[in-house]
PDB file of all heavy atoms in Angstrom:
ATOM      1  N   ILE A   1       0.765  -1.163   0.002  1.00  0.00           N
ATOM      2  CA  ILE A   1       0.024  -0.084  -0.008  1.00  0.00           C
ATOM      3  C   ILE A   1       0.877   1.221   0.002  1.00  0.00           C
ATOM      4  O   ILE A   1       1.603   1.592   0.911  1.00  0.00           O
ATOM      5  CB  ILE A   1      -0.968   0.049   1.174  1.00  0.00           C
ATOM      6  CG1 ILE A   1      -1.871  -1.209   1.222  1.00  0.00           C
ATOM      7  CG2 ILE A   1      -1.688   1.343   1.277  1.00  0.00           C
ATOM      8  CD1 ILE A   1      -2.698  -1.345   2.486  1.00  0.00           C
ATOM      9  N   ASP A   2       0.770   2.060  -1.047  1.00  0.00           N
ATOM     10  CA  ASP A   2       1.563   3.203  -1.224  1.00  0.00           C
ATOM     11  C   ASP A   2       0.780   4.458  -0.579  1.00  0.00           C
ATOM     12  O   ASP A   2      -0.329   4.824  -1.193  1.00  0.00           O
ATOM     13  CB  ASP A   2       1.879   3.365  -2.656  1.00  0.00           C
ATOM     14  CG  ASP A   2       2.679   4.712  -2.955  1.00  0.00           C
ATOM     15  OD1 ASP A   2       2.704   5.599  -2.164  1.00  0.00           O
ATOM     16  OD2 ASP A   2       3.608   4.696  -3.797  1.00  0.00           O
ATOM     17  N   LYS A   3       1.193   4.855   0.595  1.00  0.00           N
ATOM     18  CA  LYS A   3       0.446   5.996   1.265  1.00  0.00           C
ATOM     19  C   LYS A   3       0.436   7.216   0.427  1.00  0.00           C
ATOM     20  O   LYS A   3      -0.744   8.004   0.459  1.00  0.00           O
ATOM     21  CB  LYS A   3       1.031   6.303   2.654  1.00  0.00           C
ATOM     22  CG  LYS A   3       0.858   5.151   3.649  1.00  0.00           C
ATOM     23  CD  LYS A   3       1.433   5.326   5.014  1.00  0.00           C
ATOM     24  CE  LYS A   3       1.293   4.282   5.954  1.00  0.00           C
ATOM     25  NZ  LYS A   3       1.838   4.611   7.267  1.00  0.00           N
ATOM     26  N   THR A   4       1.341   7.527  -0.306  1.00  0.00           N
ATOM     27  CA  THR A   4       1.426   8.759  -1.067  1.00  0.00           C
ATOM     28  C   THR A   4       0.283   8.729  -2.120  1.00  0.00           C
ATOM     29  O   THR A   4      -0.426   9.743  -2.399  1.00  0.00           O
ATOM     30  CB  THR A   4       2.689   9.046  -1.767  1.00  0.00           C
ATOM     31  OG1 THR A   4       3.758   9.131  -0.594  1.00  0.00           O
ATOM     32  CG2 THR A   4       2.814  10.308  -2.531  1.00  0.00           C
ATOM     33  N   ARG A   5       0.245   7.652  -2.818  1.00  0.00           N
ATOM     34  CA  ARG A   5      -0.771   7.366  -3.886  1.00  0.00           C
ATOM     35  C   ARG A   5      -2.167   7.444  -3.220  1.00  0.00           C
ATOM     36  O   ARG A   5      -3.108   8.000  -3.828  1.00  0.00           O
ATOM     37  CB  ARG A   5      -0.548   6.098  -4.622  1.00  0.00           C
ATOM     38  CG  ARG A   5       0.697   6.179  -5.425  1.00  0.00           C
ATOM     39  CD  ARG A   5       0.838   4.791  -6.265  1.00  0.00           C
ATOM     40  NE  ARG A   5      -0.166   4.704  -7.337  1.00  0.00           N
ATOM     41  CZ  ARG A   5      -0.572   3.670  -7.837  1.00  0.00           C
ATOM     42  NH1 ARG A   5      -0.209   2.477  -7.371  1.00  0.00           N
ATOM     43  NH2 ARG A   5      -1.405   3.718  -8.846  1.00  0.00           N
ATOM     44  N   PHE A   6      -2.265   6.717  -2.190  1.00  0.00           N
ATOM     45  CA  PHE A   6      -3.564   6.688  -1.514  1.00  0.00           C
ATOM     46  C   PHE A   6      -4.080   8.047  -1.066  1.00  0.00           C
ATOM     47  O   PHE A   6      -5.276   8.434  -1.322  1.00  0.00           O
ATOM     48  CB  PHE A   6      -3.499   5.815  -0.191  1.00  0.00           C
ATOM     49  CG  PHE A   6      -4.748   5.672   0.556  1.00  0.00           C
ATOM     50  CD1 PHE A   6      -5.645   4.540   0.196  1.00  0.00           C
ATOM     51  CD2 PHE A   6      -5.086   6.393   1.632  1.00  0.00           C
ATOM     52  CE1 PHE A   6      -6.805   4.393   0.911  1.00  0.00           C
ATOM     53  CE2 PHE A   6      -6.265   6.129   2.232  1.00  0.00           C
ATOM     54  CZ  PHE A   6      -7.096   5.217   1.970  1.00  0.00           C
ATOM     55  N   LEU A   7      -3.222   8.940  -0.463  1.00  0.00           N
ATOM     56  CA  LEU A   7      -3.629  10.153  -0.135  1.00  0.00           C
ATOM     57  C   LEU A   7      -3.896  11.009  -1.290  1.00  0.00           C
ATOM     58  O   LEU A   7      -4.660  12.157  -1.093  1.00  0.00           O
ATOM     59  CB  LEU A   7      -2.515  10.906   0.788  1.00  0.00           C
ATOM     60  CG  LEU A   7      -2.280  10.052   2.212  1.00  0.00           C
ATOM     61  CD1 LEU A   7      -1.036  10.800   2.772  1.00  0.00           C
ATOM     62  CD2 LEU A   7      -3.510  10.356   3.072  1.00  0.00           C
ATOM     63  N   SER A   8      -3.433  10.761  -2.411  1.00  0.00           N
ATOM     64  CA  SER A   8      -3.711  11.520  -3.663  1.00  0.00           C
ATOM     65  C   SER A   8      -5.114  10.954  -4.351  1.00  0.00           C
ATOM     66  O   SER A   8      -5.409  11.523  -5.399  1.00  0.00           O
ATOM     67  CB  SER A   8      -2.559  11.447  -4.636  1.00  0.00           C
ATOM     68  OG  SER A   8      -2.445  10.122  -5.188  1.00  0.00           O
ATOM     69  N   GLY A   9      -5.554   9.962  -3.680  1.00  0.00           N
ATOM     70  CA  GLY A   9      -7.092   9.651  -4.328  1.00  0.00           C
ATOM     71  C   GLY A   9      -6.972   8.191  -5.076  1.00  0.00           C
ATOM     72  O   GLY A   9      -7.871   7.879  -5.708  1.00  0.00           O
ATOM     73  N   VAL A  10      -5.887   7.533  -4.906  1.00  0.00           N
ATOM     74  CA  VAL A  10      -5.758   6.159  -5.652  1.00  0.00           C
ATOM     75  C   VAL A  10      -6.253   5.124  -4.686  1.00  0.00           C
ATOM     76  O   VAL A  10      -5.557   4.869  -3.589  1.00  0.00           O
ATOM     77  CB  VAL A  10      -4.366   5.919  -5.988  1.00  0.00           C
ATOM     78  CG1 VAL A  10      -4.334   4.608  -6.748  1.00  0.00           C
ATOM     79  CG2 VAL A  10      -3.797   7.034  -7.056  1.00  0.00           C
ATOM     80  N   PRO A  11      -7.386   4.387  -4.949  1.00  0.00           N
ATOM     81  CA  PRO A  11      -7.952   3.361  -3.913  1.00  0.00           C
ATOM     82  C   PRO A  11      -7.024   2.184  -3.998  1.00  0.00           C
ATOM     83  O   PRO A  11      -6.194   1.978  -4.919  1.00  0.00           O
ATOM     84  CB  PRO A  11      -9.312   3.162  -4.533  1.00  0.00           C
ATOM     85  CG  PRO A  11      -9.308   3.529  -5.976  1.00  0.00           C
ATOM     86  CD  PRO A  11      -8.377   4.492  -6.033  1.00  0.00           C
ATOM     87  N   LEU A  12      -7.192   1.322  -3.002  1.00  0.00           N
ATOM     88  CA  LEU A  12      -6.321   0.154  -2.892  1.00  0.00           C
ATOM     89  C   LEU A  12      -6.446  -0.792  -4.124  1.00  0.00           C
ATOM     90  O   LEU A  12      -5.387  -1.434  -4.411  1.00  0.00           O
ATOM     91  CB  LEU A  12      -6.614  -0.614  -1.614  1.00  0.00           C
ATOM     92  CG  LEU A  12      -6.524   0.108  -0.351  1.00  0.00           C
ATOM     93  CD1 LEU A  12      -6.742  -0.740   0.867  1.00  0.00           C
ATOM     94  CD2 LEU A  12      -5.142   0.782  -0.102  1.00  0.00           C
ATOM     95  N   ILE A  13      -7.682  -0.892  -4.599  1.00  0.00           N
ATOM     96  CA  ILE A  13      -7.847  -1.768  -5.722  1.00  0.00           C
ATOM     97  C   ILE A  13      -7.042  -1.365  -6.923  1.00  0.00           C
ATOM     98  O   ILE A  13      -6.732  -2.329  -7.861  1.00  0.00           O
ATOM     99  CB  ILE A  13      -9.299  -1.862  -6.141  1.00  0.00           C
ATOM    100  CG1 ILE A  13      -9.584  -3.122  -6.966  1.00  0.00           C
ATOM    101  CG2 ILE A  13      -9.812  -0.581  -6.953  1.00  0.00           C
ATOM    102  CD1 ILE A  13     -11.065  -3.398  -7.108  1.00  0.00           C
ATOM    103  N   ARG A  14      -6.528  -0.169  -7.016  1.00  0.00           N
ATOM    104  CA  ARG A  14      -5.730   0.353  -8.189  1.00  0.00           C
ATOM    105  C   ARG A  14      -4.267   0.216  -7.814  1.00  0.00           C
ATOM    106  O   ARG A  14      -3.301   0.481  -8.570  1.00  0.00           O
ATOM    107  CB  ARG A  14      -5.965   1.852  -8.510  1.00  0.00           C
ATOM    108  CG  ARG A  14      -7.375   2.127  -8.819  1.00  0.00           C
ATOM    109  CD  ARG A  14      -7.604   1.460 -10.141  1.00  0.00           C
ATOM    110  NE  ARG A  14      -8.998   1.834 -10.642  1.00  0.00           N
ATOM    111  CZ  ARG A  14      -9.776   1.171 -11.650  1.00  0.00           C
ATOM    112  NH1 ARG A  14      -9.034   0.264 -12.325  1.00  0.00           N
ATOM    113  NH2 ARG A  14     -10.863   1.591 -12.045  1.00  0.00           N
ATOM    114  N   GLN A  15      -4.001  -0.344  -6.594  1.00  0.00           N
ATOM    115  CA  GLN A  15      -2.646  -0.568  -6.078  1.00  0.00           C
ATOM    116  C   GLN A  15      -2.234  -1.992  -6.078  1.00  0.00           C
ATOM    117  O   GLN A  15      -1.026  -2.230  -6.109  1.00  0.00           O
ATOM    118  CB  GLN A  15      -2.439   0.112  -4.813  1.00  0.00           C
ATOM    119  CG  GLN A  15      -2.632   1.698  -4.713  1.00  0.00           C
ATOM    120  CD  GLN A  15      -2.171   2.287  -3.417  1.00  0.00           C
ATOM    121  OE1 GLN A  15      -1.231   1.888  -2.959  1.00  0.00           O
ATOM    122  NE2 GLN A  15      -2.802   3.304  -3.189  1.00  0.00           N
ATOM    123  N   GLN A  16      -3.187  -2.934  -5.785  1.00  0.00           N
ATOM    124  CA  GLN A  16      -2.972  -4.359  -5.777  1.00  0.00           C
ATOM    125  C   GLN A  16      -4.289  -5.088  -6.144  1.00  0.00           C
ATOM    126  O   GLN A  16      -5.341  -4.454  -6.004  1.00  0.00           O
ATOM    127  CB  GLN A  16      -2.413  -4.689  -4.523  1.00  0.00           C
ATOM    128  CG  GLN A  16      -3.281  -4.495  -3.269  1.00  0.00           C
ATOM    129  CD  GLN A  16      -2.616  -4.948  -2.031  1.00  0.00           C
ATOM    130  OE1 GLN A  16      -2.586  -6.190  -1.712  1.00  0.00           O
ATOM    131  NE2 GLN A  16      -2.128  -4.061  -1.216  1.00  0.00           N
ATOM    132  N   ASP A  17      -4.091  -6.257  -6.535  1.00  0.00           N
ATOM    133  CA  ASP A  17      -5.252  -7.195  -6.898  1.00  0.00           C
ATOM    134  C   ASP A  17      -5.936  -7.563  -5.623  1.00  0.00           C
ATOM    135  O   ASP A  17      -5.442  -8.412  -4.816  1.00  0.00           O
ATOM    136  CB  ASP A  17      -4.805  -8.356  -7.816  1.00  0.00           C
ATOM    137  CG  ASP A  17      -5.936  -9.002  -8.454  1.00  0.00           C
ATOM    138  OD1 ASP A  17      -7.018  -8.624  -8.197  1.00  0.00           O
ATOM    139  OD2 ASP A  17      -5.655  -9.908  -9.179  1.00  0.00           O
ATOM    140  N   LEU A  18      -7.156  -7.127  -5.494  1.00  0.00           N
ATOM    141  CA  LEU A  18      -8.000  -7.496  -4.302  1.00  0.00           C
ATOM    142  C   LEU A  18      -8.815  -8.674  -4.612  1.00  0.00           C
ATOM    143  O   LEU A  18      -9.531  -9.270  -3.735  1.00  0.00           O
ATOM    144  CB  LEU A  18      -8.860  -6.356  -3.823  1.00  0.00           C
ATOM    145  CG  LEU A  18      -8.020  -5.131  -3.280  1.00  0.00           C
ATOM    146  CD1 LEU A  18      -9.106  -4.091  -2.959  1.00  0.00           C
ATOM    147  CD2 LEU A  18      -7.143  -5.387  -2.289  1.00  0.00           C
ATOM    148  N   LEU A  19      -8.858  -9.179  -5.878  1.00  0.00           N
ATOM    149  CA  LEU A  19      -9.605 -10.437  -6.171  1.00  0.00           C
ATOM    150  C   LEU A  19      -8.527 -11.379  -6.880  1.00  0.00           C
ATOM    151  O   LEU A  19      -7.870 -11.034  -7.746  1.00  0.00           O
ATOM    152  CB  LEU A  19     -10.672 -10.182  -7.212  1.00  0.00           C
ATOM    153  CG  LEU A  19     -11.850  -9.219  -6.710  1.00  0.00           C
ATOM    154  CD1 LEU A  19     -12.835  -9.203  -7.716  1.00  0.00           C
ATOM    155  CD2 LEU A  19     -12.503  -9.936  -5.514  1.00  0.00           C
ATOM    156  N   SER A  20      -8.243 -12.566  -6.180  1.00  0.00           N
ATOM    157  CA  SER A  20      -7.342 -13.526  -6.560  1.00  0.00           C
ATOM    158  C   SER A  20      -7.819 -14.617  -7.422  1.00  0.00           C
ATOM    159  O   SER A  20      -9.041 -15.107  -7.063  1.00  0.00           O
ATOM    160  CB  SER A  20      -6.504 -13.953  -5.401  1.00  0.00           C
ATOM    161  OG  SER A  20      -5.614 -14.933  -5.793  1.00  0.00           O
ATOM    162  N   PRO A  21      -7.059 -15.171  -8.340  1.00  0.00           N
ATOM    163  CA  PRO A  21      -7.582 -16.455  -8.971  1.00  0.00           C
ATOM    164  C   PRO A  21      -7.587 -17.481  -8.001  1.00  0.00           C
ATOM    165  O   PRO A  21      -8.284 -18.668  -8.237  1.00  0.00           O
ATOM    166  CB  PRO A  21      -6.546 -16.554 -10.082  1.00  0.00           C
ATOM    167  CG  PRO A  21      -5.373 -15.848  -9.700  1.00  0.00           C
ATOM    168  CD  PRO A  21      -5.882 -14.694  -8.969  1.00  0.00           C
ATOM    169  N   ASP A  22      -6.885 -17.424  -6.833  1.00  0.00           N
ATOM    170  CA  ASP A  22      -6.807 -18.479  -5.932  1.00  0.00           C
ATOM    171  C   ASP A  22      -7.999 -18.485  -4.844  1.00  0.00           C
ATOM    172  O   ASP A  22      -8.157 -19.238  -4.075  1.00  0.00           O
ATOM    173  CB  ASP A  22      -5.469 -18.377  -5.026  1.00  0.00           C
ATOM    174  CG  ASP A  22      -4.248 -18.609  -5.903  1.00  0.00           C
ATOM    175  OD1 ASP A  22      -4.409 -19.421  -6.861  1.00  0.00           O
ATOM    176  OD2 ASP A  22      -3.174 -18.090  -5.735  1.00  0.00           O
ATOM    177  N   ASP A  23      -8.687 -17.375  -4.888  1.00  0.00           N
ATOM    178  CA  ASP A  23      -9.930 -17.324  -4.090  1.00  0.00           C
ATOM    179  C   ASP A  23     -10.939 -18.450  -4.419  1.00  0.00           C
ATOM    180  O   ASP A  23     -10.984 -18.877  -5.566  1.00  0.00           O
ATOM    181  CB  ASP A  23     -10.596 -15.963  -4.283  1.00  0.00           C
ATOM    182  CG  ASP A  23      -9.740 -14.764  -3.730  1.00  0.00           C
ATOM    183  OD1 ASP A  23      -8.943 -15.021  -2.980  1.00  0.00           O
ATOM    184  OD2 ASP A  23     -10.011 -13.627  -4.193  1.00  0.00           O
ATOM    185  N   PRO A  24     -11.667 -18.930  -3.517  1.00  0.00           N
ATOM    186  CA  PRO A  24     -12.576 -20.012  -3.570  1.00  0.00           C
ATOM    187  C   PRO A  24     -13.878 -19.592  -4.380  1.00  0.00           C
ATOM    188  O   PRO A  24     -14.931 -19.682  -3.749  1.00  0.00           O
ATOM    189  CB  PRO A  24     -12.854 -20.541  -2.201  1.00  0.00           C
ATOM    190  CG  PRO A  24     -12.754 -19.304  -1.372  1.00  0.00           C
ATOM    191  CD  PRO A  24     -11.611 -18.497  -1.979  1.00  0.00           C
ATOM    192  N   TRP A  25     -13.848 -19.312  -5.663  1.00  0.00           N
ATOM    193  CA  TRP A  25     -14.952 -18.819  -6.353  1.00  0.00           C
ATOM    194  C   TRP A  25     -15.975 -19.683  -6.482  1.00  0.00           C
ATOM    195  O   TRP A  25     -17.126 -19.468  -6.145  1.00  0.00           O
ATOM    196  CB  TRP A  25     -14.266 -18.224  -7.776  1.00  0.00           C
ATOM    197  CG  TRP A  25     -13.505 -17.130  -7.753  1.00  0.00           C
ATOM    198  CD1 TRP A  25     -12.155 -16.975  -7.775  1.00  0.00           C
ATOM    199  CD2 TRP A  25     -14.066 -15.717  -7.903  1.00  0.00           C
ATOM    200  NE1 TRP A  25     -11.726 -15.717  -7.774  1.00  0.00           N
ATOM    201  CE2 TRP A  25     -12.906 -14.969  -7.844  1.00  0.00           C
ATOM    202  CE3 TRP A  25     -15.182 -15.219  -7.958  1.00  0.00           C
ATOM    203  CZ2 TRP A  25     -12.817 -13.557  -7.923  1.00  0.00           C
ATOM    204  CZ3 TRP A  25     -15.300 -13.724  -8.236  1.00  0.00           C
ATOM    205  CH2 TRP A  25     -14.076 -12.932  -8.008  1.00  0.00           C
ATOM    206  N   GLU A  26     -15.710 -20.954  -7.003  1.00  0.00           N
ATOM    207  CA  GLU A  26     -16.678 -21.858  -7.311  1.00  0.00           C
ATOM    208  C   GLU A  26     -17.375 -22.509  -6.010  1.00  0.00           C
ATOM    209  O   GLU A  26     -18.592 -22.608  -5.919  1.00  0.00           O
ATOM    210  CB  GLU A  26     -16.120 -23.004  -8.186  1.00  0.00           C
ATOM    211  CG  GLU A  26     -15.753 -22.569  -9.599  1.00  0.00           C
ATOM    212  CD  GLU A  26     -14.958 -23.503 -10.387  1.00  0.00           C
ATOM    213  OE1 GLU A  26     -15.518 -24.662 -10.564  1.00  0.00           O
ATOM    214  OE2 GLU A  26     -14.022 -23.225 -10.843  1.00  0.00           O
ATOM    215  N   GLU A  27     -16.456 -22.649  -5.021  1.00  0.00           N
ATOM    216  CA  GLU A  27     -16.932 -23.182  -3.838  1.00  0.00           C
ATOM    217  C   GLU A  27     -17.897 -22.352  -3.045  1.00  0.00           C
ATOM    218  O   GLU A  27     -19.015 -22.623  -2.591  1.00  0.00           O
ATOM    219  CB  GLU A  27     -15.793 -23.512  -2.801  1.00  0.00           C
ATOM    220  CG  GLU A  27     -16.185 -23.970  -1.380  1.00  0.00           C
ATOM    221  CD  GLU A  27     -14.954 -24.022  -0.443  1.00  0.00           C
ATOM    222  OE1 GLU A  27     -13.877 -24.155  -1.008  1.00  0.00           O
ATOM    223  OE2 GLU A  27     -15.226 -24.045   0.723  1.00  0.00           O
ATOM    224  N   THR A  28     -17.605 -20.953  -3.105  1.00  0.00           N
ATOM    225  CA  THR A  28     -18.317 -19.996  -2.489  1.00  0.00           C
ATOM    226  C   THR A  28     -19.594 -19.785  -3.322  1.00  0.00           C
ATOM    227  O   THR A  28     -20.756 -19.571  -2.712  1.00  0.00           O
ATOM    228  CB  THR A  28     -17.599 -18.554  -2.317  1.00  0.00           C
ATOM    229  OG1 THR A  28     -16.338 -18.873  -1.819  1.00  0.00           O
ATOM    230  CG2 THR A  28     -18.365 -17.573  -1.574  1.00  0.00           C
ATOM    231  N   ALA A  29     -19.569 -19.771  -4.665  1.00  0.00           N
ATOM    232  CA  ALA A  29     -20.710 -19.741  -5.512  1.00  0.00           C
ATOM    233  C   ALA A  29     -21.701 -20.878  -5.130  1.00  0.00           C
ATOM    234  O   ALA A  29     -22.982 -20.562  -5.106  1.00  0.00           O
ATOM    235  CB  ALA A  29     -20.426 -19.729  -6.944  1.00  0.00           C
ATOM    236  N   GLY A  30     -21.213 -22.029  -4.912  1.00  0.00           N
ATOM    237  CA  GLY A  30     -22.021 -23.178  -4.511  1.00  0.00           C
ATOM    238  C   GLY A  30     -22.835 -23.014  -3.263  1.00  0.00           C
ATOM    239  O   GLY A  30     -23.937 -23.512  -3.227  1.00  0.00           O
ATOM    240  N   ARG A  31     -22.393 -22.195  -2.421  1.00  0.00           N
ATOM    241  CA  ARG A  31     -23.010 -21.943  -1.132  1.00  0.00           C
ATOM    242  C   ARG A  31     -24.027 -20.747  -1.300  1.00  0.00           C
ATOM    243  O   ARG A  31     -25.124 -20.688  -0.713  1.00  0.00           O
ATOM    244  CB  ARG A  31     -22.112 -21.597  -0.013  1.00  0.00           C
ATOM    245  CG  ARG A  31     -21.497 -22.897   0.550  1.00  0.00           C
ATOM    246  CD  ARG A  31     -20.514 -22.645   1.763  1.00  0.00           C
ATOM    247  NE  ARG A  31     -21.321 -21.965   2.730  1.00  0.00           N
ATOM    248  CZ  ARG A  31     -20.835 -21.582   3.981  1.00  0.00           C
ATOM    249  NH1 ARG A  31     -19.447 -22.017   4.237  1.00  0.00           N
ATOM    250  NH2 ARG A  31     -21.478 -21.048   4.878  1.00  0.00           N
ATOM    251  N   LEU A  32     -23.779 -19.835  -2.202  1.00  0.00           N
ATOM    252  CA  LEU A  32     -24.590 -18.690  -2.547  1.00  0.00           C
ATOM    253  C   LEU A  32     -25.839 -19.004  -3.265  1.00  0.00           C
ATOM    254  O   LEU A  32     -26.960 -18.481  -3.114  1.00  0.00           O
ATOM    255  CB  LEU A  32     -23.896 -17.487  -3.119  1.00  0.00           C
ATOM    256  CG  LEU A  32     -23.030 -16.568  -2.185  1.00  0.00           C
ATOM    257  CD1 LEU A  32     -22.277 -15.625  -3.065  1.00  0.00           C
ATOM    258  CD2 LEU A  32     -23.921 -15.850  -1.208  1.00  0.00           C
ATOM    259  N   ILE A  33     -25.581 -19.898  -4.275  1.00  0.00           N
ATOM    260  CA  ILE A  33     -26.636 -20.303  -5.247  1.00  0.00           C
ATOM    261  C   ILE A  33     -27.981 -20.693  -4.580  1.00  0.00           C
ATOM    262  O   ILE A  33     -29.118 -20.192  -4.929  1.00  0.00           O
ATOM    263  CB  ILE A  33     -26.127 -21.274  -6.334  1.00  0.00           C
ATOM    264  CG1 ILE A  33     -25.324 -20.399  -7.249  1.00  0.00           C
ATOM    265  CG2 ILE A  33     -27.316 -21.933  -7.093  1.00  0.00           C
ATOM    266  CD1 ILE A  33     -24.571 -21.385  -8.336  1.00  0.00           C
TER     267      ILE A  33
END
């Protein structure tokens, strides 16, 4: 997290990937459906 960029209005999602391909997408979808 770059504090200088953050203070200038750059949100975290523009600084790093907050959604990973390793996240349990299908398993979690199976519980939501």
